Amino acid sequence: MTTTFSQSSTSRFTRPRSGRMIGGVCAGIADRFGMKHGTVRLLFLLSCLLPGPQFLIYLALWLFMPDRGY
């Protein structure tokens, strides 16, 4: 028995050129996991209320996630 899983629109973390607000990190994560961009942005903002390195992770992803090119 073979099971196939549908992949999202991209198979890697990339930052899109359209739909980005600041760096495109949340939009890239949303595209990768098939979520809405606004949902991921809201989750990020809510996570900023908790202690932790959220801004540093965002900056690191902004630097190391490649642009998608489209």
C-alpha atoms as a PDB file:
ATOM      1  CA  MET A   1       0.000   0.000   0.000  1.00  0.00           C
ATOM      2  CA  THR A   2       1.470   3.318  -1.072  1.00  0.00           C
ATOM      3  CA  THR A   3       0.453   6.623   0.440  1.00  0.00           C
ATOM      4  CA  THR A   4       1.227   9.893  -1.270  1.00  0.00           C
ATOM      5  CA  PHE A   5       1.200  13.190   0.519  1.00  0.00           C
ATOM      6  CA  SER A   6       0.470  16.420  -1.288  1.00  0.00           C
ATOM      7  CA  GLN A   7       3.229  18.983  -0.998  1.00  0.00           C
ATOM      8  CA  SER A   8       2.631  22.661  -0.498  1.00  0.00           C
ATOM      9  CA  SER A   9       3.447  25.189  -3.198  1.00  0.00           C
ATOM     10  CA  THR A  10       7.141  25.173  -2.292  1.00  0.00           C
ATOM     11  CA  SER A  11       9.293  22.420  -0.884  1.00  0.00           C
ATOM     12  CA  ARG A  12      11.808  24.809   0.716  1.00  0.00           C
ATOM     13  CA  PHE A  13      11.718  27.872   2.878  1.00  0.00           C
ATOM     14  CA  THR A  14      11.943  30.842   0.531  1.00  0.00           C
ATOM     15  CA  ARG A  15      10.836  34.449   0.836  1.00  0.00           C
ATOM     16  CA  PRO A  16       8.327  35.491  -1.851  1.00  0.00           C
ATOM     17  CA  ARG A  17       8.584  38.838  -3.601  1.00  0.00           C
ATOM     18  CA  SER A  18       4.829  39.435  -3.403  1.00  0.00           C
ATOM     19  CA  GLY A  19       2.834  39.339  -0.196  1.00  0.00           C
ATOM     20  CA  ARG A  20       5.667  40.350   2.102  1.00  0.00           C
ATOM     21  CA  MET A  21       5.297  43.027   4.746  1.00  0.00           C
ATOM     22  CA  ILE A  22       8.819  43.528   6.112  1.00  0.00           C
ATOM     23  CA  GLY A  23      11.192  40.761   5.101  1.00  0.00           C
ATOM     24  CA  GLY A  24       8.851  38.091   3.777  1.00  0.00           C
ATOM     25  CA  VAL A  25       9.740  35.573   6.482  1.00  0.00           C
ATOM     26  CA  CYS A  26       6.175  35.045   7.716  1.00  0.00           C
ATOM     27  CA  ALA A  27       4.887  34.860   4.130  1.00  0.00           C
ATOM     28  CA  GLY A  28       7.525  32.250   3.291  1.00  0.00           C
ATOM     29  CA  ILE A  29       6.651  30.150   6.332  1.00  0.00           C
ATOM     30  CA  ALA A  30       2.947  30.432   5.509  1.00  0.00           C
ATOM     31  CA  ASP A  31       3.523  29.354   1.897  1.00  0.00           C
ATOM     32  CA  ARG A  32       5.698  26.427   2.994  1.00  0.00           C
ATOM     33  CA  PHE A  33       3.047  25.034   5.344  1.00  0.00           C
ATOM     34  CA  GLY A  34      -0.028  26.030   3.315  1.00  0.00           C
ATOM     35  CA  MET A  35      -1.313  28.612   5.792  1.00  0.00           C
ATOM     36  CA  LYS A  36      -2.605  32.147   5.364  1.00  0.00           C
ATOM     37  CA  HIS A  37      -0.013  34.897   5.636  1.00  0.00           C
ATOM     38  CA  GLY A  38      -2.069  36.837   8.173  1.00  0.00           C
ATOM     39  CA  THR A  39      -2.353  33.819  10.461  1.00  0.00           C
ATOM     40  CA  VAL A  40       1.407  33.346  10.623  1.00  0.00           C
ATOM     41  CA  ARG A  41       1.934  37.072  11.196  1.00  0.00           C
ATOM     42  CA  LEU A  42      -0.591  37.053  14.037  1.00  0.00           C
ATOM     43  CA  LEU A  43       1.063  33.998  15.615  1.00  0.00           C
ATOM     44  CA  PHE A  44       4.437  35.733  15.415  1.00  0.00           C
ATOM     45  CA  LEU A  45       3.084  38.885  17.048  1.00  0.00           C
ATOM     46  CA  LEU A  46       1.446  36.854  19.820  1.00  0.00           C
ATOM     47  CA  SER A  47       4.683  34.935  20.370  1.00  0.00           C
ATOM     48  CA  CYS A  48       6.442  38.265  20.958  1.00  0.00           C
ATOM     49  CA  LEU A  49       4.423  38.602  24.161  1.00  0.00           C
ATOM     50  CA  LEU A  50       6.300  35.589  25.529  1.00  0.00           C
ATOM     51  CA  PRO A  51       9.930  35.743  26.606  1.00  0.00           C
ATOM     52  CA  GLY A  52      12.345  34.366  24.068  1.00  0.00           C
ATOM     53  CA  PRO A  53      14.515  35.115  21.048  1.00  0.00           C
ATOM     54  CA  GLN A  54      11.705  35.651  18.505  1.00  0.00           C
ATOM     55  CA  PHE A  55      13.211  38.783  16.959  1.00  0.00           C
ATOM     56  CA  LEU A  56      16.636  37.180  16.646  1.00  0.00           C
ATOM     57  CA  ILE A  57      15.127  34.134  14.938  1.00  0.00           C
ATOM     58  CA  TYR A  58      13.185  36.411  12.557  1.00  0.00           C
ATOM     59  CA  LEU A  59      16.353  38.347  11.711  1.00  0.00           C
ATOM     60  CA  ALA A  60      18.331  35.137  11.166  1.00  0.00           C
ATOM     61  CA  LEU A  61      15.632  33.758   8.872  1.00  0.00           C
ATOM     62  CA  TRP A  62      15.537  37.073   6.996  1.00  0.00           C
ATOM     63  CA  LEU A  63      19.270  36.789   6.386  1.00  0.00           C
ATOM     64  CA  PHE A  64      19.453  33.086   5.526  1.00  0.00           C
ATOM     65  CA  MET A  65      16.155  32.381   3.702  1.00  0.00           C
ATOM     66  CA  PRO A  66      16.733  32.914  -0.028  1.00  0.00           C
ATOM     67  CA  ASP A  67      14.423  35.033  -2.172  1.00  0.00           C
ATOM     68  CA  ARG A  68      12.045  32.978  -4.271  1.00  0.00           C
ATOM     69  CA  GLY A  69      12.482  35.149  -7.325  1.00  0.00           C
ATOM     70  CA  TYR A  70       8.788  35.372  -8.176  1.00  0.00           C
END
